[in-house]
Amino acid sequence: MSKLYNKILPQLVLVGIVIVSTLLVWLPFLLKSPTWFGLPIPNSNFEYILRHFDGPLYVVPAKTLYNPQAIANLGIELPLSTTYFAAHIPLYPLAIKLFAPIFGYLKSMVFVTVLFTSFLAILFYEVVKRLKLSKNPFLLSVVFLFLPRFLVLRTVGAPETMFMFFILGSLFFFEKNKYFWSGLLGGLAAATKTPGVLLFVVYGLTLLERYLKTKKFENKTLWLLLIPVGLLSVFLFYLNQTGDFFAYFNSGDNIHLVAPYAAFNHSLPWVGTGWLEDIVFYFFLYISAVFTLKNSKYRSFFYFALVFTLAVIFVQHRDIARYSIPLWMMACVAFERFFTSKKFLYVFILLLPAIFMYAWNFSLVNIMPISNWAPYL
């Protein structure tokens, strides 16, 4: 029993860190505190967490399964068309629906996020440990959990932790040559967020490099076709529910791939500001990760960093931090020596209060204007 306990102790501690840090982000709202370390919180309550963009927008398809008439009958006060919700693809809403009988839709939304954050923390630790990506997989896993934007995304209604869990699982099984599981998890990633289909490009480039070296093709790699099948299943589901196979593309302005560095234009939609210097640092981090992973023996990790970084560079949106969040896994792997060094640990401890201040402050402003909660209950 003691051997088993010692074996699972790091995973249990990581789950504990996920839960405690989540509760700490929620604390001022759970306590209904009118101020928090100088931050004014008007009408403080847990609704600040529940109405964080875009959480409630996933609750709508969870309740209606994208049926246009059912969406119209909800009486949502926001000026959104019934087709808009097809931009929020199904796997996360279906998970919300699964737990809704227990928690209700809104609390199920954050439960699913925290649940998959726990799964992701365990998986990240196991992948780093089993592939020997770091001499200190536990510490690297702790650091991984506290990128400021990621801290927010993993404590509100958002599909990113589910998305990253499927991506990392797919990459791990690919490197273990277990292509069925890699394809299956990749397909689930594509059914969670459409950029998941880029895994198919990643594996295509990896296998092409392998073929050019060995002149051999493995038939079992055809299981990777499950990745585009995952996205195709989403479109077929939309066809059944809405009558429109291309509902995702007809949902509005949700495809933001425009041009290289398109985020640096304050006049364009989804940007709207010139205060964008943080994006330069994200690009610096992730492009540096690409070059650092260039000679990695885990070729899919390199190609993942390359393909996703190129895609993010073309995104026209202020929130590059969110769009690029899967790349944070690769950055942690690429710079693991730095992130697990003593000097970084000292800096990390000093910055931890600032990271939580960022999360509390951001949770006060990035919220949907909801006054009538009935459609979401």
Protein backbone atom coordinates (compact mmCIF):
# COMPACT_ATOMS: atom_id res chain seq x y z
CA MET A 1 0.00 0.00 0.00
CA SER A 2 2.80 2.42 0.89
CA LYS A 3 4.50 1.78 -2.49
CA LEU A 4 1.26 2.52 -4.31
CA TYR A 5 0.74 5.66 -2.22
CA ASN A 6 4.26 6.91 -2.96
CA LYS A 7 3.71 6.21 -6.65
CA ILE A 8 0.52 8.24 -6.89
CA LEU A 9 1.52 10.92 -4.36
CA PRO A 10 2.80 13.42 -7.00
CA GLN A 11 -0.44 13.09 -8.95
CA LEU A 12 -2.53 13.59 -5.81
CA VAL A 13 -0.52 16.68 -4.87
CA LEU A 14 -0.95 18.11 -8.37
CA VAL A 15 -4.72 17.61 -8.17
CA GLY A 16 -4.62 19.27 -4.75
CA ILE A 17 -2.75 22.24 -6.22
CA VAL A 18 -5.35 22.49 -9.00
CA ILE A 19 -8.22 22.50 -6.51
CA VAL A 20 -6.62 24.89 -3.99
CA SER A 21 -5.48 27.37 -6.64
CA THR A 22 -8.94 27.26 -8.25
CA LEU A 23 -10.63 27.97 -4.93
CA LEU A 24 -8.17 30.80 -4.33
CA VAL A 25 -9.14 32.42 -7.65
CA TRP A 26 -12.79 31.99 -6.69
CA LEU A 27 -12.34 33.14 -3.08
CA PRO A 28 -13.28 36.85 -3.30
CA PHE A 29 -16.44 35.92 -5.21
CA LEU A 30 -17.36 33.05 -2.92
CA LEU A 31 -16.94 35.40 0.06
CA LYS A 32 -18.88 38.14 -1.76
CA SER A 33 -16.16 40.55 -0.76
CA PRO A 34 -16.82 44.14 -1.92
CA THR A 35 -13.06 44.75 -2.18
CA TRP A 36 -10.09 42.44 -2.53
CA PHE A 37 -6.52 43.72 -2.04
CA GLY A 38 -7.68 47.11 -3.28
CA LEU A 39 -9.76 45.76 -6.17
CA PRO A 40 -13.37 46.99 -5.98
CA ILE A 41 -15.88 44.20 -6.72
CA PRO A 42 -19.36 45.67 -7.26
CA ASN A 43 -22.13 43.25 -6.24
CA SER A 44 -19.53 40.60 -5.53
CA ASN A 45 -20.73 37.01 -6.04
CA PHE A 46 -19.83 33.81 -7.87
CA GLU A 47 -21.63 35.03 -10.99
CA TYR A 48 -18.40 36.80 -11.95
CA ILE A 49 -16.88 33.37 -12.54
CA LEU A 50 -19.97 31.96 -14.22
CA ARG A 51 -20.32 34.80 -16.75
CA HIS A 52 -16.70 34.88 -17.80
CA PHE A 53 -16.40 34.94 -21.61
CA ASP A 54 -17.21 32.56 -23.34
CA GLY A 55 -18.48 30.11 -20.72
CA PRO A 56 -22.25 30.68 -20.90
CA LEU A 57 -22.06 30.55 -24.69
CA TYR A 58 -21.17 26.87 -24.32
CA VAL A 59 -24.10 26.32 -21.96
CA VAL A 60 -26.58 27.29 -24.69
CA PRO A 61 -25.63 24.41 -27.05
CA ALA A 62 -25.36 22.12 -24.04
CA LYS A 63 -29.02 22.82 -23.28
CA THR A 64 -30.32 22.89 -26.86
CA LEU A 65 -27.89 20.68 -28.81
CA TYR A 66 -27.76 23.49 -31.40
CA ASN A 67 -31.42 23.22 -32.37
CA PRO A 68 -32.22 26.71 -33.78
CA GLN A 69 -35.80 26.76 -32.51
CA ALA A 70 -34.76 25.62 -29.04
CA ILE A 71 -32.10 28.36 -28.94
CA ALA A 72 -34.66 30.97 -30.01
CA ASN A 73 -37.05 29.76 -27.29
CA LEU A 74 -34.46 30.39 -24.58
CA GLY A 75 -34.94 34.13 -24.91
CA ILE A 76 -31.28 35.07 -24.57
CA GLU A 77 -30.90 38.83 -24.07
CA LEU A 78 -27.64 39.05 -26.03
CA PRO A 79 -27.95 40.09 -29.70
CA LEU A 80 -26.75 36.75 -31.08
CA SER A 81 -28.22 34.74 -33.94
CA THR A 82 -29.17 31.09 -33.44
CA THR A 83 -26.43 30.13 -35.91
CA TYR A 84 -23.74 31.87 -33.85
CA PHE A 85 -23.52 29.02 -31.35
CA ALA A 86 -22.17 26.60 -33.96
CA ALA A 87 -18.84 28.37 -33.40
CA HIS A 88 -18.73 26.62 -30.01
CA ILE A 89 -18.20 23.07 -31.14
CA PRO A 90 -19.81 20.14 -29.36
CA LEU A 91 -17.52 18.10 -27.12
CA TYR A 92 -17.25 20.59 -24.26
CA PRO A 93 -21.01 21.37 -24.35
CA LEU A 94 -21.75 17.62 -24.37
CA ALA A 95 -19.56 17.18 -21.29
CA ILE A 96 -21.46 20.03 -19.60
CA LYS A 97 -24.74 18.30 -20.47
CA LEU A 98 -23.44 15.03 -19.02
CA PHE A 99 -22.92 16.51 -15.55
CA ALA A 100 -25.81 19.01 -15.65
CA PRO A 101 -28.26 16.61 -13.88
CA ILE A 102 -25.87 16.64 -10.90
CA PHE A 103 -24.67 20.26 -10.75
CA GLY A 104 -26.94 22.24 -13.06
CA TYR A 105 -25.64 23.65 -16.34
CA LEU A 106 -23.61 26.60 -15.08
CA LYS A 107 -21.82 24.77 -12.27
CA SER A 108 -21.35 21.77 -14.54
CA MET A 109 -19.54 24.15 -16.90
CA VAL A 110 -16.85 25.01 -14.34
CA PHE A 111 -16.81 21.45 -12.96
CA VAL A 112 -15.84 20.08 -16.37
CA THR A 113 -13.09 22.68 -16.65
CA VAL A 114 -11.62 21.82 -13.25
CA LEU A 115 -12.01 18.08 -13.87
CA PHE A 116 -10.05 18.23 -17.11
CA THR A 117 -7.48 20.54 -15.53
CA SER A 118 -6.85 17.78 -12.99
CA PHE A 119 -6.62 15.18 -15.76
CA LEU A 120 -4.26 17.44 -17.71
CA ALA A 121 -1.99 18.06 -14.71
CA ILE A 122 -1.65 14.31 -14.14
CA LEU A 123 -1.13 13.60 -17.83
CA PHE A 124 1.49 16.35 -18.21
CA TYR A 125 3.41 14.93 -15.25
CA GLU A 126 3.22 11.37 -16.61
CA VAL A 127 4.27 12.38 -20.13
CA VAL A 128 7.24 14.41 -18.87
CA LYS A 129 8.24 11.55 -16.56
CA ARG A 130 7.81 8.66 -19.00
CA LEU A 131 9.45 10.41 -21.94
CA LYS A 132 12.20 11.70 -19.63
CA LEU A 133 11.62 15.29 -20.72
CA SER A 134 12.83 16.71 -17.41
CA LYS A 135 14.77 15.62 -14.35
CA ASN A 136 12.11 17.25 -12.20
CA PRO A 137 8.73 16.43 -13.78
CA PHE A 138 6.78 17.37 -10.67
CA LEU A 139 8.18 20.90 -10.39
CA LEU A 140 7.77 21.45 -14.12
CA SER A 141 4.14 20.34 -13.81
CA VAL A 142 3.54 22.85 -11.01
CA VAL A 143 5.05 25.68 -13.07
CA PHE A 144 2.94 24.57 -16.05
CA LEU A 145 -0.25 25.21 -14.07
CA PHE A 146 0.50 28.87 -13.38
CA LEU A 147 0.94 30.68 -16.66
CA PRO A 148 -1.29 33.69 -15.83
CA ARG A 149 -3.76 33.33 -18.73
CA PHE A 150 -3.90 29.58 -18.18
CA LEU A 151 -4.74 30.08 -14.51
CA VAL A 152 -7.82 32.05 -15.57
CA LEU A 153 -8.86 29.62 -18.31
CA ARG A 154 -8.69 26.64 -15.97
CA THR A 155 -10.92 28.26 -13.33
CA VAL A 156 -13.83 29.44 -15.51
CA GLY A 157 -16.05 27.98 -18.21
CA ALA A 158 -13.65 27.24 -21.08
CA PRO A 159 -12.79 24.21 -23.26
CA GLU A 160 -9.02 24.74 -23.26
CA THR A 161 -8.09 22.22 -20.56
CA MET A 162 -10.13 19.51 -22.30
CA PHE A 163 -8.54 20.51 -25.62
CA MET A 164 -5.00 20.40 -24.22
CA PHE A 165 -5.64 17.06 -22.50
CA PHE A 166 -6.61 15.42 -25.79
CA ILE A 167 -3.72 17.07 -27.67
CA LEU A 168 -1.09 15.96 -25.17
CA GLY A 169 -2.53 12.45 -24.97
CA SER A 170 -2.49 12.20 -28.76
CA LEU A 171 1.14 13.38 -28.95
CA PHE A 172 2.19 10.91 -26.27
CA PHE A 173 0.59 7.91 -27.97
CA PHE A 174 2.02 9.00 -31.33
CA GLU A 175 5.52 8.94 -29.87
CA LYS A 176 4.76 5.48 -28.46
CA ASN A 177 3.67 4.36 -31.95
CA LYS A 178 0.15 3.65 -30.70
CA TYR A 179 -1.56 5.27 -33.64
CA PHE A 180 -5.12 4.20 -32.91
CA TRP A 181 -5.12 5.97 -29.54
CA SER A 182 -3.24 8.93 -31.00
CA GLY A 183 -5.80 9.24 -33.78
CA LEU A 184 -8.74 8.78 -31.42
CA LEU A 185 -7.56 11.44 -28.97
CA GLY A 186 -6.64 13.71 -31.86
CA GLY A 187 -10.15 13.30 -33.22
CA LEU A 188 -11.56 14.22 -29.82
CA ALA A 189 -9.30 17.29 -29.80
CA ALA A 190 -10.70 18.31 -33.20
CA ALA A 191 -14.23 17.85 -31.83
CA THR A 192 -13.36 20.13 -28.90
CA LYS A 193 -11.78 23.02 -30.83
CA THR A 194 -11.30 23.13 -34.59
CA PRO A 195 -7.50 23.83 -34.43
CA GLY A 196 -7.21 20.25 -33.14
CA VAL A 197 -7.32 19.12 -36.77
CA LEU A 198 -3.84 20.67 -37.14
CA LEU A 199 -2.58 17.56 -35.36
CA PHE A 200 -3.18 15.75 -38.66
CA VAL A 201 -0.80 18.20 -40.35
CA VAL A 202 1.70 17.73 -37.50
CA TYR A 203 1.70 13.96 -37.88
CA GLY A 204 1.78 14.21 -41.67
CA LEU A 205 4.99 16.24 -41.50
CA THR A 206 6.47 13.91 -38.89
CA LEU A 207 5.70 10.80 -40.95
CA LEU A 208 6.98 12.46 -44.13
CA GLU A 209 10.30 13.17 -42.42
CA ARG A 210 10.41 9.57 -41.21
CA TYR A 211 9.61 8.23 -44.68
CA LEU A 212 12.33 10.31 -46.32
CA LYS A 213 14.83 8.73 -43.90
CA THR A 214 13.61 5.13 -43.91
CA LYS A 215 11.61 4.80 -47.17
CA LYS A 216 9.06 2.83 -45.16
CA PHE A 217 5.35 3.43 -44.61
CA GLU A 218 3.41 1.82 -41.76
CA ASN A 219 -0.20 0.97 -42.57
CA LYS A 220 -1.18 1.35 -38.92
CA THR A 221 -0.54 5.09 -39.18
CA LEU A 222 -3.79 5.25 -41.17
CA TRP A 223 -5.51 5.32 -37.76
CA LEU A 224 -4.47 8.98 -37.69
CA LEU A 225 -7.28 9.61 -40.18
CA LEU A 226 -9.50 9.57 -37.09
CA ILE A 227 -8.38 13.18 -36.54
CA PRO A 228 -10.14 14.69 -39.59
CA VAL A 229 -12.95 12.19 -38.98
CA GLY A 230 -13.41 13.85 -35.57
CA LEU A 231 -13.97 17.21 -37.24
CA LEU A 232 -16.14 15.65 -39.94
CA SER A 233 -18.33 14.15 -37.22
CA VAL A 234 -18.89 17.67 -35.87
CA PHE A 235 -20.09 18.88 -39.27
CA LEU A 236 -22.37 15.84 -39.66
CA PHE A 237 -23.77 16.51 -36.20
CA TYR A 238 -24.48 20.10 -37.23
CA LEU A 239 -26.17 18.85 -40.39
CA ASN A 240 -28.46 16.67 -38.30
CA GLN A 241 -29.20 19.37 -35.70
CA THR A 242 -29.35 22.50 -37.81
CA GLY A 243 -29.73 21.29 -41.38
CA ASP A 244 -26.46 23.02 -42.30
CA PHE A 245 -23.30 20.94 -42.81
CA PHE A 246 -21.27 24.17 -42.89
CA ALA A 247 -22.91 25.68 -39.79
CA TYR A 248 -19.51 26.31 -38.19
CA PHE A 249 -18.38 28.43 -41.15
CA ASN A 250 -21.75 30.20 -41.32
CA SER A 251 -21.83 31.05 -37.62
CA GLY A 252 -20.27 34.47 -38.04
CA ASP A 253 -16.84 36.01 -37.61
CA ASN A 254 -15.09 33.17 -35.78
CA ILE A 255 -12.25 32.24 -38.14
CA HIS A 256 -9.49 34.71 -37.36
CA LEU A 257 -6.66 33.48 -39.58
CA VAL A 258 -5.88 36.54 -41.69
CA ALA A 259 -2.22 37.42 -42.27
CA PRO A 260 1.14 37.25 -40.49
CA TYR A 261 1.08 39.36 -37.33
CA ALA A 262 -2.48 40.46 -38.04
CA ALA A 263 -2.98 41.06 -34.31
CA PHE A 264 -0.95 44.27 -34.59
CA ASN A 265 -3.66 46.45 -36.09
CA HIS A 266 -5.84 48.33 -33.63
CA SER A 267 -8.47 49.11 -36.30
CA LEU A 268 -9.28 45.48 -37.10
CA PRO A 269 -12.11 43.45 -35.51
CA TRP A 270 -11.22 41.52 -32.35
CA VAL A 271 -8.16 43.73 -31.71
CA GLY A 272 -9.36 47.26 -30.92
CA THR A 273 -6.31 48.46 -29.00
CA GLY A 274 -2.71 49.45 -29.52
CA TRP A 275 -1.58 48.08 -26.14
CA LEU A 276 -0.25 44.84 -27.60
CA GLU A 277 3.37 44.52 -26.50
CA ASP A 278 2.59 41.37 -24.49
CA ILE A 279 1.83 39.57 -27.77
CA VAL A 280 5.41 40.18 -28.91
CA PHE A 281 6.64 38.35 -25.81
CA TYR A 282 4.31 35.40 -26.48
CA PHE A 283 5.62 35.18 -30.04
CA PHE A 284 9.17 35.39 -28.70
CA LEU A 285 8.50 32.56 -26.23
CA TYR A 286 6.85 30.20 -28.68
CA ILE A 287 9.12 30.87 -31.67
CA SER A 288 12.07 30.27 -29.35
CA ALA A 289 10.45 26.98 -28.30
CA VAL A 290 10.26 25.94 -31.96
CA PHE A 291 13.98 26.49 -32.44
CA THR A 292 14.80 24.79 -29.13
CA LEU A 293 12.77 21.70 -30.07
CA LYS A 294 14.22 21.57 -33.59
CA ASN A 295 16.57 18.70 -32.76
CA SER A 296 14.30 16.91 -30.29
CA LYS A 297 14.06 13.15 -30.81
CA TYR A 298 10.32 13.53 -30.25
CA ARG A 299 9.67 14.87 -33.71
CA SER A 300 5.93 15.36 -33.27
CA PHE A 301 6.64 17.79 -30.44
CA PHE A 302 8.79 19.90 -32.75
CA TYR A 303 6.26 19.85 -35.58
CA PHE A 304 3.43 20.61 -33.19
CA ALA A 305 5.29 23.69 -31.94
CA LEU A 306 6.09 24.71 -35.52
CA VAL A 307 2.60 24.24 -37.01
CA PHE A 308 0.68 25.79 -34.12
CA THR A 309 3.08 28.73 -33.82
CA LEU A 310 2.72 29.48 -37.54
CA ALA A 311 -1.06 29.31 -37.17
CA VAL A 312 -1.08 31.64 -34.15
CA ILE A 313 1.08 34.19 -35.98
CA PHE A 314 -1.77 34.53 -38.52
CA VAL A 315 -4.48 35.08 -35.88
CA GLN A 316 -6.20 38.46 -35.90
CA HIS A 317 -7.23 38.74 -32.26
CA ARG A 318 -6.23 40.59 -29.10
CA ASP A 319 -6.27 37.42 -27.01
CA ILE A 320 -3.24 35.69 -28.53
CA ALA A 321 -2.49 34.40 -25.02
CA ARG A 322 -5.61 32.24 -25.22
CA TYR A 323 -5.24 31.15 -28.84
CA SER A 324 -1.67 30.05 -28.19
CA ILE A 325 -2.30 28.27 -24.90
CA PRO A 326 -1.58 24.71 -26.20
CA LEU A 327 1.91 25.92 -27.10
CA TRP A 328 2.59 26.55 -23.42
CA MET A 329 3.00 22.77 -23.02
CA MET A 330 5.76 22.81 -25.63
CA ALA A 331 7.44 25.84 -24.09
CA CYS A 332 7.57 24.09 -20.72
CA VAL A 333 9.22 21.08 -22.35
CA ALA A 334 11.60 23.20 -24.41
CA PHE A 335 12.81 25.30 -21.48
CA GLU A 336 12.42 22.76 -18.70
CA ARG A 337 15.94 23.35 -17.35
CA PHE A 338 15.21 27.02 -16.83
CA PHE A 339 11.70 26.47 -15.44
CA THR A 340 12.99 23.94 -12.89
CA SER A 341 16.09 25.88 -11.88
CA LYS A 342 16.48 27.38 -8.40
CA LYS A 343 16.69 30.93 -9.70
CA PHE A 344 13.42 30.54 -11.59
CA LEU A 345 11.80 28.97 -8.54
CA TYR A 346 12.66 32.08 -6.50
CA VAL A 347 11.20 34.33 -9.21
CA PHE A 348 8.13 32.10 -9.50
CA ILE A 349 7.44 32.36 -5.77
CA LEU A 350 7.86 36.14 -5.85
CA LEU A 351 5.52 36.45 -8.85
CA LEU A 352 2.84 34.06 -7.62
CA PRO A 353 0.88 36.84 -5.82
CA ALA A 354 1.03 38.93 -9.01
CA ILE A 355 -0.30 35.99 -11.04
CA PHE A 356 -3.31 35.72 -8.71
CA MET A 357 -3.80 39.48 -8.77
CA TYR A 358 -3.88 39.26 -12.55
CA ALA A 359 -6.49 36.47 -12.36
CA TRP A 360 -8.73 38.38 -9.92
CA ASN A 361 -8.44 41.60 -11.91
CA PHE A 362 -9.12 39.86 -15.24
CA SER A 363 -12.13 38.05 -13.75
CA LEU A 364 -13.69 41.43 -13.01
CA VAL A 365 -13.57 42.75 -16.57
CA ASN A 366 -13.80 39.85 -19.03
CA ILE A 367 -17.46 39.09 -18.25
CA MET A 368 -20.64 38.79 -20.27
CA PRO A 369 -23.44 41.34 -19.64
CA ILE A 370 -26.02 38.88 -18.30
CA SER A 371 -28.90 40.14 -16.17
CA ASN A 372 -31.36 37.33 -16.89
CA TRP A 373 -29.92 33.94 -15.93
CA ALA A 374 -33.04 31.92 -16.75
CA PRO A 375 -31.85 30.82 -20.25
CA TYR A 376 -28.68 29.34 -18.74
CA LEU A 377 -30.16 27.46 -15.78
